C-alpha atoms as a PDB file:
ATOM      1  CA  THR A   1      54.872 215.553 170.185  1.00  0.00           C
ATOM      2  CA  VAL A   2      54.159 212.611 172.434  1.00  0.00           C
ATOM      3  CA  VAL A   3      56.967 211.503 174.735  1.00  0.00           C
ATOM      4  CA  GLU A   4      56.492 208.152 176.403  1.00  0.00           C
ATOM      5  CA  TYR A   5      58.366 208.766 179.630  1.00  0.00           C
ATOM      6  CA  LEU A   6      58.741 205.072 180.376  1.00  0.00           C
ATOM      7  CA  LYS A   7      60.473 204.483 177.026  1.00  0.00           C
ATOM      8  CA  THR A   8      62.337 207.812 176.974  1.00  0.00           C
ATOM      9  CA  PRO A   9      62.707 208.784 180.621  1.00  0.00           C
ATOM     10  CA  LEU A  10      63.711 212.239 181.744  1.00  0.00           C
ATOM     11  CA  ASP A  11      67.047 212.666 183.455  1.00  0.00           C
ATOM     12  CA  GLU A  12      67.384 214.732 186.617  1.00  0.00           C
ATOM     13  CA  ALA A  13      67.832 217.973 184.655  1.00  0.00           C
ATOM     14  CA  GLY A  14      64.727 217.234 182.579  1.00  0.00           C
ATOM     15  CA  LEU A  15      62.701 216.489 185.697  1.00  0.00           C
ATOM     16  CA  ARG A  16      63.879 219.723 187.324  1.00  0.00           C
ATOM     17  CA  ALA A  17      62.825 221.647 184.202  1.00  0.00           C
ATOM     18  CA  VAL A  18      59.327 220.128 184.184  1.00  0.00           C
ATOM     19  CA  ILE A  19      58.921 220.760 187.910  1.00  0.00           C
ATOM     20  CA  ALA A  20      60.014 224.376 187.481  1.00  0.00           C
ATOM     21  CA  GLU A  21      57.608 224.840 184.554  1.00  0.00           C
ATOM     22  CA  MET A  22      54.793 223.403 186.665  1.00  0.00           C
ATOM     23  CA  GLY A  23      55.660 225.765 189.507  1.00  0.00           C
ATOM     24  CA  SER A  24      55.450 222.979 192.048  1.00  0.00           C
ATOM     25  CA  GLY A  25      57.698 220.797 194.123  1.00  0.00           C
ATOM     26  CA  ALA A  26      58.948 217.389 193.066  1.00  0.00           C
ATOM     27  CA  ARG A  27      56.317 215.641 195.186  1.00  0.00           C
ATOM     28  CA  ALA A  28      53.619 216.875 192.772  1.00  0.00           C
ATOM     29  CA  LEU A  29      55.255 214.770 190.071  1.00  0.00           C
ATOM     30  CA  LEU A  30      55.795 211.675 192.230  1.00  0.00           C
ATOM     31  CA  ARG A  31      53.474 208.744 191.690  1.00  0.00           C
ATOM     32  CA  GLU A  32      52.988 208.106 195.397  1.00  0.00           C
ATOM     33  CA  LYS A  33      50.530 205.225 194.903  1.00  0.00           C
ATOM     34  CA  GLU A  34      53.223 203.248 193.075  1.00  0.00           C
ATOM     35  CA  SER A  35      54.371 200.400 195.347  1.00  0.00           C
ATOM     36  CA  LEU A  36      57.995 201.251 194.588  1.00  0.00           C
ATOM     37  CA  ALA A  37      57.475 204.653 196.216  1.00  0.00           C
ATOM     38  CA  GLU A  38      56.526 202.835 199.404  1.00  0.00           C
ATOM     39  CA  GLU A  39      59.436 200.401 199.126  1.00  0.00           C
ATOM     40  CA  LEU A  40      61.925 203.270 198.722  1.00  0.00           C
ATOM     41  CA  GLY A  41      60.399 205.283 201.558  1.00  0.00           C
ATOM     42  CA  LEU A  42      59.495 208.134 199.217  1.00  0.00           C
ATOM     43  CA  ARG A  43      56.092 208.709 200.783  1.00  0.00           C
ATOM     44  CA  GLU A  44      57.794 210.144 203.859  1.00  0.00           C
ATOM     45  CA  ALA A  45      57.272 213.912 204.040  1.00  0.00           C
ATOM     46  CA  THR A  46      60.908 214.355 205.085  1.00  0.00           C
ATOM     47  CA  ARG A  47      62.207 213.348 201.648  1.00  0.00           C
ATOM     48  CA  SER A  48      63.749 216.298 199.798  1.00  0.00           C
ATOM     49  CA  ASP A  49      62.980 217.326 196.239  1.00  0.00           C
ATOM     50  CA  GLU A  50      66.488 216.220 195.267  1.00  0.00           C
ATOM     51  CA  GLU A  51      65.875 212.742 196.673  1.00  0.00           C
ATOM     52  CA  LEU A  52      62.550 212.481 194.848  1.00  0.00           C
ATOM     53  CA  ILE A  53      64.055 213.720 191.579  1.00  0.00           C
ATOM     54  CA  ALA A  54      66.938 211.245 191.821  1.00  0.00           C
ATOM     55  CA  ALA A  55      64.498 208.395 192.462  1.00  0.00           C
ATOM     56  CA  MET A  56      62.238 209.374 189.542  1.00  0.00           C
ATOM     57  CA  ALA A  57      65.268 209.620 187.234  1.00  0.00           C
ATOM     58  CA  GLN A  58      66.435 206.170 188.295  1.00  0.00           C
ATOM     59  CA  HIS A  59      62.925 204.634 188.275  1.00  0.00           C
ATOM     60  CA  PRO A  60      60.766 206.366 185.607  1.00  0.00           C
ATOM     61  CA  VAL A  61      57.675 204.437 186.741  1.00  0.00           C
ATOM     62  CA  LEU A  62      57.642 206.797 189.746  1.00  0.00           C
ATOM     63  CA  MET A  63      56.855 209.817 187.571  1.00  0.00           C
ATOM     64  CA  ASN A  64      53.190 210.731 187.476  1.00  0.00           C
ATOM     65  CA  ARG A  65      51.796 210.938 183.956  1.00  0.00           C
ATOM     66  CA  PRO A  66      50.625 212.417 181.664  1.00  0.00           C
ATOM     67  CA  VAL A  67      52.524 215.671 181.834  1.00  0.00           C
ATOM     68  CA  VAL A  68      51.501 218.072 179.090  1.00  0.00           C
ATOM     69  CA  ARG A  69      53.747 220.934 177.962  1.00  0.00           C
ATOM     70  CA  THR A  70      52.395 223.654 175.671  1.00  0.00           C
ATOM     71  CA  PRO A  71      53.137 227.348 175.185  1.00  0.00           C
ATOM     72  CA  LEU A  72      50.258 227.935 177.636  1.00  0.00           C
ATOM     73  CA  GLY A  73      51.940 226.004 180.435  1.00  0.00           C
ATOM     74  CA  THR A  74      53.037 222.675 181.850  1.00  0.00           C
ATOM     75  CA  ARG A  75      50.995 220.511 184.159  1.00  0.00           C
ATOM     76  CA  LEU A  76      50.111 217.033 185.219  1.00  0.00           C
ATOM     77  CA  CYS A  77      46.838 216.332 183.426  1.00  0.00           C
ATOM     78  CA  ARG A  78      45.002 214.076 185.832  1.00  0.00           C
ATOM     79  CA  PRO A  79      42.135 213.960 185.243  1.00  0.00           C
ATOM     80  CA  GLN A  80      42.661 214.177 181.511  1.00  0.00           C
ATOM     81  CA  GLU A  81      40.188 217.041 181.112  1.00  0.00           C
ATOM     82  CA  LEU A  82      42.823 219.362 182.607  1.00  0.00           C
ATOM     83  CA  VAL A  83      44.598 219.313 179.251  1.00  0.00           C
ATOM     84  CA  LEU A  84      41.871 221.595 177.888  1.00  0.00           C
ATOM     85  CA  GLU A  85      43.269 224.454 179.968  1.00  0.00           C
ATOM     86  CA  LEU A  86      46.576 224.132 178.096  1.00  0.00           C
ATOM     87  CA  LEU A  87      45.137 224.194 174.588  1.00  0.00           C
ATOM     88  CA  PRO A  88      44.531 227.408 172.661  1.00  0.00           C
ATOM     89  CA  THR A  89      40.920 228.415 172.183  1.00  0.00           C
ATOM     90  CA  ALA A  90      39.573 228.463 168.663  1.00  0.00           C
END
């Protein structure tokens, strides 16, 4: 199933779930190169996960993509070849 996060954005609970599945902090999911991240001061290391999650929920463009979720795990697949680690072997 393909979910286009810009058309169907995750709410804060959905973002927390993805972050937990990834086993990382919210910063790993933040698109820090997005100019809006700079405008909102989200690049500052002092920003909490809760602040980052709230910002990504309010502004879906701030969420790094693509995030792939399979029974083998959840991860940000940049570069795209990383998706191969989440696919079952034949």
